[in-house]
Amino acid sequence: MPSSVVCDAGGVLAVAGVLKGAVPTDSEFLALDWSAMTVGRFVAVRHGGNRERIQVEIGLALSVVHEWFPVRTFVAESISRAGLGAVDALDSWSALVLAEHLDLPLFTASDEVISSRIEIRRPW
């Protein structure tokens, strides 16, 4: 049975091969539904608004996630942990909260998130 790893948007993009780096092997990837929007924003910028290319790459990136969780249950805790200035890192902080609740490692491309409770893995 594969081990489970929570991914933020950067983790999803790395697993999908959009971002370079080492990826956890033999793992089941879990993510918050919020991360799908962050992945989409990244892909849209990457492809300069080209709708067809955006749709293909978003589809490929999102297909690597085995299970999606609703972010709404973690909103208050994510915002309090991240602080008001962490607009771009909210996806990573909310993924960290999910990982801590599930007691699983977090795979992230963010240098901002830290935890004393779980392992943080990065693609580099």
PDB file of N, CA and C in Angstrom:
ATOM      1  N   MET A   1       0.841  -1.177   0.000  1.00  0.00           N
ATOM      2  CA  MET A   1       0.000   0.000   0.000  1.00  0.00           C
ATOM      3  C   MET A   1       0.891   1.247   0.000  1.00  0.00           C
ATOM      4  N   PRO A   2       0.615   2.191  -0.883  1.00  0.00           N
ATOM      5  CA  PRO A   2       1.459   3.391  -0.945  1.00  0.00           C
ATOM      6  C   PRO A   2       1.263   4.278   0.287  1.00  0.00           C
ATOM      7  N   SER A   3       2.304   4.997   0.638  1.00  0.00           N
ATOM      8  CA  SER A   3       2.190   5.964   1.727  1.00  0.00           C
ATOM      9  C   SER A   3       1.477   7.199   1.201  1.00  0.00           C
ATOM     10  N   SER A   4       0.832   7.928   2.086  1.00  0.00           N
ATOM     11  CA  SER A   4       0.119   9.134   1.686  1.00  0.00           C
ATOM     12  C   SER A   4       0.933  10.371   2.023  1.00  0.00           C
ATOM     13  N   VAL A   5       0.850  11.363   1.143  1.00  0.00           N
ATOM     14  CA  VAL A   5       1.551  12.630   1.302  1.00  0.00           C
ATOM     15  C   VAL A   5       0.572  13.733   0.916  1.00  0.00           C
ATOM     16  N   VAL A   6       0.497  14.781   1.740  1.00  0.00           N
ATOM     17  CA  VAL A   6      -0.326  15.939   1.404  1.00  0.00           C
ATOM     18  C   VAL A   6       0.513  16.880   0.550  1.00  0.00           C
ATOM     19  N   CYS A   7      -0.079  17.413  -0.510  1.00  0.00           N
ATOM     20  CA  CYS A   7       0.605  18.365  -1.388  1.00  0.00           C
ATOM     21  C   CYS A   7      -0.102  19.709  -1.362  1.00  0.00           C
ATOM     22  N   ASP A   8       0.667  20.771  -1.387  1.00  0.00           N
ATOM     23  CA  ASP A   8       0.092  22.075  -1.701  1.00  0.00           C
ATOM     24  C   ASP A   8       0.176  22.217  -3.220  1.00  0.00           C
ATOM     25  N   ALA A   9      -0.159  23.378  -3.750  1.00  0.00           N
ATOM     26  CA  ALA A   9      -0.140  23.563  -5.206  1.00  0.00           C
ATOM     27  C   ALA A   9       1.248  23.309  -5.780  1.00  0.00           C
ATOM     28  N   GLY A  10       2.288  23.794  -5.117  1.00  0.00           N
ATOM     29  CA  GLY A  10       3.653  23.559  -5.591  1.00  0.00           C
ATOM     30  C   GLY A  10       3.993  22.087  -5.614  1.00  0.00           C
ATOM     31  N   GLY A  11       3.533  21.356  -4.607  1.00  0.00           N
ATOM     32  CA  GLY A  11       3.742  19.915  -4.581  1.00  0.00           C
ATOM     33  C   GLY A  11       3.034  19.221  -5.729  1.00  0.00           C
ATOM     34  N   VAL A  12       1.786  19.629  -5.988  1.00  0.00           N
ATOM     35  CA  VAL A  12       1.030  19.060  -7.111  1.00  0.00           C
ATOM     36  C   VAL A  12       1.766  19.328  -8.423  1.00  0.00           C
ATOM     37  N   LEU A  13       2.231  20.554  -8.605  1.00  0.00           N
ATOM     38  CA  LEU A  13       2.940  20.904  -9.835  1.00  0.00           C
ATOM     39  C   LEU A  13       4.244  20.122  -9.983  1.00  0.00           C
ATOM     40  N   ALA A  14       4.934  19.881  -8.881  1.00  0.00           N
ATOM     41  CA  ALA A  14       6.171  19.091  -8.936  1.00  0.00           C
ATOM     42  C   ALA A  14       5.864  17.635  -9.273  1.00  0.00           C
ATOM     43  N   VAL A  15       4.849  17.068  -8.636  1.00  0.00           N
ATOM     44  CA  VAL A  15       4.471  15.678  -8.920  1.00  0.00           C
ATOM     45  C   VAL A  15       4.071  15.522 -10.381  1.00  0.00           C
ATOM     46  N   ALA A  16       3.382  16.530 -10.926  1.00  0.00           N
ATOM     47  CA  ALA A  16       2.944  16.485 -12.324  1.00  0.00           C
ATOM     48  C   ALA A  16       4.080  16.748 -13.306  1.00  0.00           C
ATOM     49  N   GLY A  17       5.253  17.151 -12.806  1.00  0.00           N
ATOM     50  CA  GLY A  17       6.392  17.415 -13.679  1.00  0.00           C
ATOM     51  C   GLY A  17       6.450  18.825 -14.229  1.00  0.00           C
ATOM     52  N   VAL A  18       5.540  19.693 -13.778  1.00  0.00           N
ATOM     53  CA  VAL A  18       5.544  21.082 -14.235  1.00  0.00           C
ATOM     54  C   VAL A  18       6.687  21.850 -13.578  1.00  0.00           C
ATOM     55  N   LEU A  19       6.936  21.580 -12.304  1.00  0.00           N
ATOM     56  CA  LEU A  19       8.095  22.136 -11.596  1.00  0.00           C
ATOM     57  C   LEU A  19       9.147  21.045 -11.489  1.00  0.00           C
ATOM     58  N   LYS A  20      10.384  21.421 -11.623  1.00  0.00           N
ATOM     59  CA  LYS A  20      11.486  20.466 -11.543  1.00  0.00           C
ATOM     60  C   LYS A  20      11.771  20.092 -10.092  1.00  0.00           C
ATOM     61  N   GLY A  21      12.267  18.880  -9.906  1.00  0.00           N
ATOM     62  CA  GLY A  21      12.695  18.456  -8.589  1.00  0.00           C
ATOM     63  C   GLY A  21      12.351  17.011  -8.297  1.00  0.00           C
ATOM     64  N   ALA A  22      12.865  16.543  -7.170  1.00  0.00           N
ATOM     65  CA  ALA A  22      12.621  15.173  -6.729  1.00  0.00           C
ATOM     66  C   ALA A  22      11.200  15.055  -6.185  1.00  0.00           C
ATOM     67  N   VAL A  23      10.560  13.952  -6.496  1.00  0.00           N
ATOM     68  CA  VAL A  23       9.170  13.717  -6.105  1.00  0.00           C
ATOM     69  C   VAL A  23       9.108  12.451  -5.262  1.00  0.00           C
ATOM     70  N   PRO A  24       8.284  12.437  -4.206  1.00  0.00           N
ATOM     71  CA  PRO A  24       8.130  11.205  -3.428  1.00  0.00           C
ATOM     72  C   PRO A  24       7.648  10.062  -4.331  1.00  0.00           C
ATOM     73  N   THR A  25       8.259   8.909  -4.190  1.00  0.00           N
ATOM     74  CA  THR A  25       7.871   7.762  -5.008  1.00  0.00           C
ATOM     75  C   THR A  25       6.954   6.852  -4.203  1.00  0.00           C
ATOM     76  N   ASP A  26       6.195   6.042  -4.904  1.00  0.00           N
ATOM     77  CA  ASP A  26       5.267   5.099  -4.269  1.00  0.00           C
ATOM     78  C   ASP A  26       4.380   5.782  -3.240  1.00  0.00           C
ATOM     79  N   SER A  27       3.830   6.925  -3.609  1.00  0.00           N
ATOM     80  CA  SER A  27       2.995   7.676  -2.688  1.00  0.00           C
ATOM     81  C   SER A  27       1.633   7.958  -3.294  1.00  0.00           C
ATOM     82  N   GLU A  28       0.664   8.074  -2.421  1.00  0.00           N
ATOM     83  CA  GLU A  28      -0.673   8.535  -2.779  1.00  0.00           C
ATOM     84  C   GLU A  28      -0.712  10.014  -2.422  1.00  0.00           C
ATOM     85  N   PHE A  29      -1.133  10.858  -3.344  1.00  0.00           N
ATOM     86  CA  PHE A  29      -1.097  12.304  -3.132  1.00  0.00           C
ATOM     87  C   PHE A  29      -2.480  12.843  -2.781  1.00  0.00           C
ATOM     88  N   LEU A  30      -2.537  13.605  -1.711  1.00  0.00           N
ATOM     89  CA  LEU A  30      -3.759  14.218  -1.218  1.00  0.00           C
ATOM     90  C   LEU A  30      -3.596  15.730  -1.295  1.00  0.00           C
ATOM     91  N   ALA A  31      -4.686  16.448  -1.532  1.00  0.00           N
ATOM     92  CA  ALA A  31      -4.598  17.907  -1.618  1.00  0.00           C
ATOM     93  C   ALA A  31      -5.938  18.534  -1.262  1.00  0.00           C
ATOM     94  N   LEU A  32      -5.882  19.800  -0.943  1.00  0.00           N
ATOM     95  CA  LEU A  32      -7.091  20.584  -0.709  1.00  0.00           C
ATOM     96  C   LEU A  32      -7.642  21.079  -2.035  1.00  0.00           C
ATOM     97  N   ASP A  33      -8.963  21.198  -2.125  1.00  0.00           N
ATOM     98  CA  ASP A  33      -9.560  21.688  -3.367  1.00  0.00           C
ATOM     99  C   ASP A  33      -9.075  23.097  -3.701  1.00  0.00           C
ATOM    100  N   TRP A  34      -8.710  23.876  -2.695  1.00  0.00           N
ATOM    101  CA  TRP A  34      -8.157  25.228  -2.859  1.00  0.00           C
ATOM    102  C   TRP A  34      -6.916  25.196  -3.743  1.00  0.00           C
ATOM    103  N   SER A  35      -6.127  24.159  -3.626  1.00  0.00           N
ATOM    104  CA  SER A  35      -4.884  24.059  -4.390  1.00  0.00           C
ATOM    105  C   SER A  35      -5.132  24.005  -5.894  1.00  0.00           C
ATOM    106  N   ALA A  36      -6.287  23.497  -6.306  1.00  0.00           N
ATOM    107  CA  ALA A  36      -6.604  23.436  -7.730  1.00  0.00           C
ATOM    108  C   ALA A  36      -6.622  24.828  -8.351  1.00  0.00           C
ATOM    109  N   MET A  37      -7.139  25.809  -7.626  1.00  0.00           N
ATOM    110  CA  MET A  37      -7.181  27.179  -8.137  1.00  0.00           C
ATOM    111  C   MET A  37      -5.768  27.766  -8.237  1.00  0.00           C
ATOM    112  N   THR A  38      -4.940  27.499  -7.259  1.00  0.00           N
ATOM    113  CA  THR A  38      -3.572  27.997  -7.277  1.00  0.00           C
ATOM    114  C   THR A  38      -2.792  27.358  -8.421  1.00  0.00           C
ATOM    115  N   VAL A  39      -2.993  26.063  -8.638  1.00  0.00           N
ATOM    116  CA  VAL A  39      -2.383  25.380  -9.786  1.00  0.00           C
ATOM    117  C   VAL A  39      -2.844  26.052 -11.077  1.00  0.00           C
ATOM    118  N   GLY A  40      -4.131  26.318 -11.177  1.00  0.00           N
ATOM    119  CA  GLY A  40      -4.677  26.957 -12.369  1.00  0.00           C
ATOM    120  C   GLY A  40      -4.086  28.327 -12.630  1.00  0.00           C
ATOM    121  N   ARG A  41      -3.930  29.137 -11.578  1.00  0.00           N
ATOM    122  CA  ARG A  41      -3.326  30.465 -11.730  1.00  0.00           C
ATOM    123  C   ARG A  41      -1.902  30.350 -12.254  1.00  0.00           C
ATOM    124  N   PHE A  42      -1.124  29.425 -11.705  1.00  0.00           N
ATOM    125  CA  PHE A  42       0.253  29.231 -12.138  1.00  0.00           C
ATOM    126  C   PHE A  42       0.308  28.818 -13.613  1.00  0.00           C
ATOM    127  N   VAL A  43      -0.516  27.846 -13.976  1.00  0.00           N
ATOM    128  CA  VAL A  43      -0.524  27.332 -15.348  1.00  0.00           C
ATOM    129  C   VAL A  43      -0.979  28.418 -16.326  1.00  0.00           C
ATOM    130  N   ALA A  44      -1.973  29.217 -15.939  1.00  0.00           N
ATOM    131  CA  ALA A  44      -2.461  30.285 -16.819  1.00  0.00           C
ATOM    132  C   ALA A  44      -1.364  31.297 -17.120  1.00  0.00           C
ATOM    133  N   VAL A  45      -0.597  31.662 -16.106  1.00  0.00           N
ATOM    134  CA  VAL A  45       0.513  32.595 -16.315  1.00  0.00           C
ATOM    135  C   VAL A  45       1.585  31.939 -17.179  1.00  0.00           C
ATOM    136  N   ARG A  46       1.869  30.693 -16.905  1.00  0.00           N
ATOM    137  CA  ARG A  46       2.899  29.952 -17.644  1.00  0.00           C
ATOM    138  C   ARG A  46       2.599  29.907 -19.139  1.00  0.00           C
ATOM    139  N   HIS A  47       1.319  29.790 -19.482  1.00  0.00           N
ATOM    140  CA  HIS A  47       0.932  29.664 -20.887  1.00  0.00           C
ATOM    141  C   HIS A  47       0.338  30.951 -21.456  1.00  0.00           C
ATOM    142  N   GLY A  48       0.539  32.054 -20.776  1.00  0.00           N
ATOM    143  CA  GLY A  48       0.133  33.351 -21.295  1.00  0.00           C
ATOM    144  C   GLY A  48      -1.330  33.458 -21.674  1.00  0.00           C
ATOM    145  N   GLY A  49      -2.191  32.735 -20.974  1.00  0.00           N
ATOM    146  CA  GLY A  49      -3.618  32.817 -21.244  1.00  0.00           C
ATOM    147  C   GLY A  49      -4.115  31.932 -22.377  1.00  0.00           C
ATOM    148  N   ASN A  50      -3.250  31.116 -22.979  1.00  0.00           N
ATOM    149  CA  ASN A  50      -3.656  30.215 -24.058  1.00  0.00           C
ATOM    150  C   ASN A  50      -4.584  29.140 -23.486  1.00  0.00           C
ATOM    151  N   ARG A  51      -5.876  29.276 -23.745  1.00  0.00           N
ATOM    152  CA  ARG A  51      -6.910  28.451 -23.116  1.00  0.00           C
ATOM    153  C   ARG A  51      -6.698  26.948 -23.322  1.00  0.00           C
ATOM    154  N   GLU A  52      -6.394  26.530 -24.539  1.00  0.00           N
ATOM    155  CA  GLU A  52      -6.220  25.100 -24.805  1.00  0.00           C
ATOM    156  C   GLU A  52      -5.048  24.521 -24.029  1.00  0.00           C
ATOM    157  N   ARG A  53      -3.927  25.213 -24.039  1.00  0.00           N
ATOM    158  CA  ARG A  53      -2.750  24.723 -23.307  1.00  0.00           C
ATOM    159  C   ARG A  53      -3.000  24.721 -21.809  1.00  0.00           C
ATOM    160  N   ILE A  54      -3.720  25.750 -21.328  1.00  0.00           N
ATOM    161  CA  ILE A  54      -4.056  25.818 -19.905  1.00  0.00           C
ATOM    162  C   ILE A  54      -4.910  24.614 -19.512  1.00  0.00           C
ATOM    163  N   GLN A  55      -5.947  24.335 -20.284  1.00  0.00           N
ATOM    164  CA  GLN A  55      -6.849  23.229 -19.953  1.00  0.00           C
ATOM    165  C   GLN A  55      -6.120  21.890 -19.927  1.00  0.00           C
ATOM    166  N   VAL A  56      -5.264  21.669 -20.899  1.00  0.00           N
ATOM    167  CA  VAL A  56      -4.524  20.400 -20.948  1.00  0.00           C
ATOM    168  C   VAL A  56      -3.608  20.271 -19.732  1.00  0.00           C
ATOM    169  N   GLU A  57      -2.814  21.297 -19.461  1.00  0.00           N
ATOM    170  CA  GLU A  57      -1.855  21.175 -18.363  1.00  0.00           C
ATOM    171  C   GLU A  57      -2.534  21.135 -17.002  1.00  0.00           C
ATOM    172  N   ILE A  58      -3.621  21.892 -16.822  1.00  0.00           N
ATOM    173  CA  ILE A  58      -4.355  21.805 -15.558  1.00  0.00           C
ATOM    174  C   ILE A  58      -4.904  20.391 -15.385  1.00  0.00           C
ATOM    175  N   GLY A  59      -5.477  19.846 -16.430  1.00  0.00           N
ATOM    176  CA  GLY A  59      -6.006  18.486 -16.353  1.00  0.00           C
ATOM    177  C   GLY A  59      -4.940  17.475 -15.974  1.00  0.00           C
ATOM    178  N   LEU A  60      -3.781  17.588 -16.587  1.00  0.00           N
ATOM    179  CA  LEU A  60      -2.678  16.677 -16.265  1.00  0.00           C
ATOM    180  C   LEU A  60      -2.195  16.868 -14.832  1.00  0.00           C
ATOM    181  N   ALA A  61      -2.060  18.111 -14.413  1.00  0.00           N
ATOM    182  CA  ALA A  61      -1.574  18.382 -13.062  1.00  0.00           C
ATOM    183  C   ALA A  61      -2.558  17.897 -12.005  1.00  0.00           C
ATOM    184  N   LEU A  62      -3.829  18.173 -12.200  1.00  0.00           N
ATOM    185  CA  LEU A  62      -4.823  17.800 -11.191  1.00  0.00           C
ATOM    186  C   LEU A  62      -5.065  16.298 -11.131  1.00  0.00           C
ATOM    187  N   SER A  63      -4.744  15.594 -12.205  1.00  0.00           N
ATOM    188  CA  SER A  63      -4.973  14.143 -12.230  1.00  0.00           C
ATOM    189  C   SER A  63      -3.998  13.368 -11.339  1.00  0.00           C
ATOM    190  N   VAL A  64      -2.912  13.987 -10.884  1.00  0.00           N
ATOM    191  CA  VAL A  64      -1.960  13.277 -10.025  1.00  0.00           C
ATOM    192  C   VAL A  64      -2.455  13.155  -8.587  1.00  0.00           C
ATOM    193  N   VAL A  65      -3.496  13.926  -8.234  1.00  0.00           N
ATOM    194  CA  VAL A  65      -4.028  13.894  -6.865  1.00  0.00           C
ATOM    195  C   VAL A  65      -5.036  12.759  -6.752  1.00  0.00           C
ATOM    196  N   HIS A  66      -4.836  11.921  -5.733  1.00  0.00           N
ATOM    197  CA  HIS A  66      -5.707  10.766  -5.532  1.00  0.00           C
ATOM    198  C   HIS A  66      -6.960  11.109  -4.745  1.00  0.00           C
ATOM    199  N   GLU A  67      -6.870  12.101  -3.854  1.00  0.00           N
ATOM    200  CA  GLU A  67      -8.044  12.496  -3.073  1.00  0.00           C
ATOM    201  C   GLU A  67      -7.977  13.990  -2.768  1.00  0.00           C
ATOM    202  N   TRP A  68      -9.123  14.660  -2.958  1.00  0.00           N
ATOM    203  CA  TRP A  68      -9.239  16.097  -2.705  1.00  0.00           C
ATOM    204  C   TRP A  68     -10.058  16.320  -1.436  1.00  0.00           C
ATOM    205  N   PHE A  69      -9.634  17.277  -0.616  1.00  0.00           N
ATOM    206  CA  PHE A  69     -10.330  17.614   0.619  1.00  0.00           C
ATOM    207  C   PHE A  69     -10.855  19.048   0.525  1.00  0.00           C
ATOM    208  N   PRO A  70     -12.014  19.335   1.122  1.00  0.00           N
ATOM    209  CA  PRO A  70     -12.523  20.715   1.114  1.00  0.00           C
ATOM    210  C   PRO A  70     -11.725  21.599   2.057  1.00  0.00           C
ATOM    211  N   VAL A  71     -11.391  22.777   1.610  1.00  0.00           N
ATOM    212  CA  VAL A  71     -10.578  23.691   2.399  1.00  0.00           C
ATOM    213  C   VAL A  71     -11.386  24.395   3.493  1.00  0.00           C
ATOM    214  N   ARG A  72     -12.684  24.469   3.351  1.00  0.00           N
ATOM    215  CA  ARG A  72     -13.514  25.288   4.244  1.00  0.00           C
ATOM    216  C   ARG A  72     -13.331  24.950   5.724  1.00  0.00           C
ATOM    217  N   THR A  73     -12.999  23.699   6.042  1.00  0.00           N
ATOM    218  CA  THR A  73     -12.849  23.326   7.450  1.00  0.00           C
ATOM    219  C   THR A  73     -11.537  23.834   8.059  1.00  0.00           C
ATOM    220  N   PHE A  74     -10.629  24.308   7.217  1.00  0.00           N
ATOM    221  CA  PHE A  74      -9.321  24.748   7.697  1.00  0.00           C
ATOM    222  C   PHE A  74      -9.064  26.244   7.520  1.00  0.00           C
ATOM    223  N   VAL A  75     -10.070  26.994   7.089  1.00  0.00           N
ATOM    224  CA  VAL A  75      -9.871  28.412   6.764  1.00  0.00           C
ATOM    225  C   VAL A  75      -9.369  29.207   7.962  1.00  0.00           C
ATOM    226  N   ALA A  76     -10.078  29.162   9.068  1.00  0.00           N
ATOM    227  CA  ALA A  76      -9.706  29.975  10.233  1.00  0.00           C
ATOM    228  C   ALA A  76      -8.325  29.604  10.749  1.00  0.00           C
ATOM    229  N   GLU A  77      -8.054  28.313  10.877  1.00  0.00           N
ATOM    230  CA  GLU A  77      -6.745  27.887  11.380  1.00  0.00           C
ATOM    231  C   GLU A  77      -5.622  28.257  10.420  1.00  0.00           C
ATOM    232  N   SER A  78      -5.877  28.142   9.125  1.00  0.00           N
ATOM    233  CA  SER A  78      -4.857  28.492   8.123  1.00  0.00           C
ATOM    234  C   SER A  78      -4.502  29.965   8.189  1.00  0.00           C
ATOM    235  N   ILE A  79      -5.510  30.810   8.270  1.00  0.00           N
ATOM    236  CA  ILE A  79      -5.268  32.254   8.312  1.00  0.00           C
ATOM    237  C   ILE A  79      -4.556  32.648   9.596  1.00  0.00           C
ATOM    238  N   SER A  80      -4.943  32.061  10.714  1.00  0.00           N
ATOM    239  CA  SER A  80      -4.269  32.418  11.967  1.00  0.00           C
ATOM    240  C   SER A  80      -2.824  31.941  11.981  1.00  0.00           C
ATOM    241  N   ARG A  81      -2.533  30.789  11.382  1.00  0.00           N
ATOM    242  CA  ARG A  81      -1.155  30.282  11.336  1.00  0.00           C
ATOM    243  C   ARG A  81      -0.299  31.059  10.350  1.00  0.00           C
ATOM    244  N   ALA A  82      -0.876  31.408   9.206  1.00  0.00           N
ATOM    245  CA  ALA A  82      -0.105  32.068   8.154  1.00  0.00           C
ATOM    246  C   ALA A  82       0.132  33.541   8.429  1.00  0.00           C
ATOM    247  N   GLY A  83      -0.809  34.183   9.077  1.00  0.00           N
ATOM    248  CA  GLY A  83      -0.712  35.616   9.292  1.00  0.00           C
ATOM    249  C   GLY A  83      -1.342  36.363   8.132  1.00  0.00           C
ATOM    250  N   LEU A  84      -1.667  37.597   8.350  1.00  0.00           N
ATOM    251  CA  LEU A  84      -2.396  38.380   7.356  1.00  0.00           C
ATOM    252  C   LEU A  84      -1.573  38.719   6.119  1.00  0.00           C
ATOM    253  N   GLY A  85      -0.262  38.675   6.209  1.00  0.00           N
ATOM    254  CA  GLY A  85       0.588  39.027   5.069  1.00  0.00           C
ATOM    255  C   GLY A  85       0.893  37.866   4.144  1.00  0.00           C
ATOM    256  N   ALA A  86       0.342  36.703   4.390  1.00  0.00           N
ATOM    257  CA  ALA A  86       0.710  35.497   3.641  1.00  0.00           C
ATOM    258  C   ALA A  86      -0.267  35.178   2.521  1.00  0.00           C
ATOM    259  N   VAL A  87      -0.660  36.157   1.755  1.00  0.00           N
ATOM    260  CA  VAL A  87      -1.670  35.956   0.712  1.00  0.00           C
ATOM    261  C   VAL A  87      -1.255  34.860  -0.262  1.00  0.00           C
ATOM    262  N   ASP A  88      -0.062  34.921  -0.803  1.00  0.00           N
ATOM    263  CA  ASP A  88       0.371  33.925  -1.789  1.00  0.00           C
ATOM    264  C   ASP A  88       0.696  32.568  -1.161  1.00  0.00           C
ATOM    265  N   ALA A  89       0.946  32.533   0.134  1.00  0.00           N
ATOM    266  CA  ALA A  89       1.316  31.280   0.784  1.00  0.00           C
ATOM    267  C   ALA A  89       0.148  30.615   1.501  1.00  0.00           C
ATOM    268  N   LEU A  90      -1.050  31.171   1.404  1.00  0.00           N
ATOM    269  CA  LEU A  90      -2.189  30.573   2.102  1.00  0.00           C
ATOM    270  C   LEU A  90      -2.437  29.134   1.663  1.00  0.00           C
ATOM    271  N   ASP A  91      -2.249  28.842   0.399  1.00  0.00           N
ATOM    272  CA  ASP A  91      -2.410  27.469  -0.077  1.00  0.00           C
ATOM    273  C   ASP A  91      -1.469  26.533   0.669  1.00  0.00           C
ATOM    274  N   SER A  92      -0.227  26.943   0.835  1.00  0.00           N
ATOM    275  CA  SER A  92       0.758  26.106   1.525  1.00  0.00           C
ATOM    276  C   SER A  92       0.427  25.959   3.001  1.00  0.00           C
ATOM    277  N   TRP A  93       0.013  27.040   3.626  1.00  0.00           N
ATOM    278  CA  TRP A  93      -0.334  26.968   5.048  1.00  0.00           C
ATOM    279  C   TRP A  93      -1.564  26.100   5.275  1.00  0.00           C
ATOM    280  N   SER A  94      -2.563  26.204   4.412  1.00  0.00           N
ATOM    281  CA  SER A  94      -3.752  25.373   4.589  1.00  0.00           C
ATOM    282  C   SER A  94      -3.423  23.896   4.335  1.00  0.00           C
ATOM    283  N   ALA A  95      -2.534  23.622   3.382  1.00  0.00           N
ATOM    284  CA  ALA A  95      -2.094  22.240   3.160  1.00  0.00           C
ATOM    285  C   ALA A  95      -1.331  21.713   4.369  1.00  0.00           C
ATOM    286  N   LEU A  96      -0.555  22.575   5.010  1.00  0.00           N
ATOM    287  CA  LEU A  96       0.160  22.182   6.225  1.00  0.00           C
ATOM    288  C   LEU A  96      -0.824  21.811   7.326  1.00  0.00           C
ATOM    289  N   VAL A  97      -1.865  22.605   7.493  1.00  0.00           N
ATOM    290  CA  VAL A  97      -2.876  22.314   8.514  1.00  0.00           C
ATOM    291  C   VAL A  97      -3.521  20.953   8.237  1.00  0.00           C
ATOM    292  N   LEU A  98      -3.868  20.677   6.968  1.00  0.00           N
ATOM    293  CA  LEU A  98      -4.427  19.371   6.614  1.00  0.00           C
ATOM    294  C   LEU A  98      -3.437  18.258   6.944  1.00  0.00           C
ATOM    295  N   ALA A  99      -2.192  18.424   6.551  1.00  0.00           N
ATOM    296  CA  ALA A  99      -1.172  17.397   6.811  1.00  0.00           C
ATOM    297  C   ALA A  99      -1.029  17.135   8.311  1.00  0.00           C
ATOM    298  N   GLU A 100      -1.043  18.190   9.098  1.00  0.00           N
ATOM    299  CA  GLU A 100      -0.942  18.003  10.558  1.00  0.00           C
ATOM    300  C   GLU A 100      -2.171  17.291  11.109  1.00  0.00           C
ATOM    301  N   HIS A 101      -3.347  17.617  10.606  1.00  0.00           N
ATOM    302  CA  HIS A 101      -4.569  16.939  11.061  1.00  0.00           C
ATOM    303  C   HIS A 101      -4.559  15.462  10.694  1.00  0.00           C
ATOM    304  N   LEU A 102      -3.997  15.136   9.532  1.00  0.00           N
ATOM    305  CA  LEU A 102      -3.934  13.744   9.091  1.00  0.00           C
ATOM    306  C   LEU A 102      -2.672  13.027   9.575  1.00  0.00           C
ATOM    307  N   ASP A 103      -1.759  13.786  10.191  1.00  0.00           N
ATOM    308  CA  ASP A 103      -0.472  13.266  10.654  1.00  0.00           C
ATOM    309  C   ASP A 103       0.303  12.621   9.498  1.00  0.00           C
ATOM    310  N   LEU A 104       0.393  13.389   8.403  1.00  0.00           N
ATOM    311  CA  LEU A 104       1.100  12.943   7.203  1.00  0.00           C
ATOM    312  C   LEU A 104       2.149  13.976   6.810  1.00  0.00           C
ATOM    313  N   PRO A 105       3.159  13.594   6.040  1.00  0.00           N
ATOM    314  CA  PRO A 105       4.131  14.570   5.539  1.00  0.00           C
ATOM    315  C   PRO A 105       3.480  15.545   4.554  1.00  0.00           C
ATOM    316  N   LEU A 106       4.078  16.713   4.431  1.00  0.00           N
ATOM    317  CA  LEU A 106       3.654  17.716   3.450  1.00  0.00           C
ATOM    318  C   LEU A 106       4.727  17.821   2.385  1.00  0.00           C
ATOM    319  N   PHE A 107       4.309  17.767   1.113  1.00  0.00           N
ATOM    320  CA  PHE A 107       5.208  17.984  -0.007  1.00  0.00           C
ATOM    321  C   PHE A 107       4.887  19.353  -0.586  1.00  0.00           C
ATOM    322  N   THR A 108       5.846  20.276  -0.489  1.00  0.00           N
ATOM    323  CA  THR A 108       5.614  21.668  -0.841  1.00  0.00           C
ATOM    324  C   THR A 108       6.807  22.273  -1.556  1.00  0.00           C
ATOM    325  N   ALA A 109       6.542  23.253  -2.390  1.00  0.00           N
ATOM    326  CA  ALA A 109       7.605  24.036  -3.017  1.00  0.00           C
ATOM    327  C   ALA A 109       7.789  25.357  -2.284  1.00  0.00           C
ATOM    328  N   SER A 110       7.131  25.528  -1.157  1.00  0.00           N
ATOM    329  CA  SER A 110       7.220  26.761  -0.372  1.00  0.00           C
ATOM    330  C   SER A 110       8.305  26.641   0.700  1.00  0.00           C
ATOM    331  N   ASP A 111       9.091  27.695   0.826  1.00  0.00           N
ATOM    332  CA  ASP A 111      10.077  27.748   1.909  1.00  0.00           C
ATOM    333  C   ASP A 111       9.486  28.346   3.179  1.00  0.00           C
ATOM    334  N   GLU A 112       8.263  28.876   3.095  1.00  0.00           N
ATOM    335  CA  GLU A 112       7.664  29.582   4.224  1.00  0.00           C
ATOM    336  C   GLU A 112       7.101  28.679   5.303  1.00  0.00           C
ATOM    337  N   VAL A 113       6.542  27.545   4.927  1.00  0.00           N
ATOM    338  CA  VAL A 113       5.858  26.710   5.921  1.00  0.00           C
ATOM    339  C   VAL A 113       6.844  25.847   6.696  1.00  0.00           C
ATOM    340  N   ILE A 114       6.606  25.775   7.989  1.00  0.00           N
ATOM    341  CA  ILE A 114       7.414  24.940   8.875  1.00  0.00           C
ATOM    342  C   ILE A 114       6.474  24.274   9.876  1.00  0.00           C
ATOM    343  N   SER A 115       6.914  23.152  10.420  1.00  0.00           N
ATOM    344  CA  SER A 115       6.114  22.442  11.407  1.00  0.00           C
ATOM    345  C   SER A 115       7.027  21.660  12.333  1.00  0.00           C
ATOM    346  N   SER A 116       6.663  21.633  13.582  1.00  0.00           N
ATOM    347  CA  SER A 116       7.374  20.791  14.539  1.00  0.00           C
ATOM    348  C   SER A 116       6.643  19.457  14.716  1.00  0.00           C
ATOM    349  N   ARG A 117       5.494  19.306  14.039  1.00  0.00           N
ATOM    350  CA  ARG A 117       4.665  18.114  14.215  1.00  0.00           C
ATOM    351  C   ARG A 117       4.815  17.089  13.103  1.00  0.00           C
ATOM    352  N   ILE A 118       5.099  17.544  11.863  1.00  0.00           N
ATOM    353  CA  ILE A 118       5.166  16.615  10.736  1.00  0.00           C
ATOM    354  C   ILE A 118       6.420  16.881   9.900  1.00  0.00           C
ATOM    355  N   GLU A 119       6.730  15.953   9.032  1.00  0.00           N
ATOM    356  CA  GLU A 119       7.856  16.101   8.116  1.00  0.00           C
ATOM    357  C   GLU A 119       7.441  16.984   6.945  1.00  0.00           C
ATOM    358  N   ILE A 120       8.312  17.922   6.582  1.00  0.00           N
ATOM    359  CA  ILE A 120       8.110  18.769   5.408  1.00  0.00           C
ATOM    360  C   ILE A 120       9.090  18.300   4.340  1.00  0.00           C
ATOM    361  N   ARG A 121       8.584  17.938   3.174  1.00  0.00           N
ATOM    362  CA  ARG A 121       9.415  17.518   2.052  1.00  0.00           C
ATOM    363  C   ARG A 121       9.319  18.565   0.957  1.00  0.00           C
ATOM    364  N   ARG A 122      10.440  18.818   0.312  1.00  0.00           N
ATOM    365  CA  ARG A 122      10.485  19.784  -0.787  1.00  0.00           C
ATOM    366  C   ARG A 122      11.143  19.137  -2.003  1.00  0.00           C
ATOM    367  N   PRO A 123      10.826  19.628  -3.192  1.00  0.00           N
ATOM    368  CA  PRO A 123      11.396  19.004  -4.405  1.00  0.00           C
ATOM    369  C   PRO A 123      12.894  19.223  -4.567  1.00  0.00           C
ATOM    370  N   TRP A 124      13.498  20.126  -3.821  1.00  0.00           N
ATOM    371  CA  TRP A 124      14.932  20.373  -3.972  1.00  0.00           C
ATOM    372  C   TRP A 124      15.713  19.899  -2.770  1.00  0.00           C
TER     373      TRP A 124
END
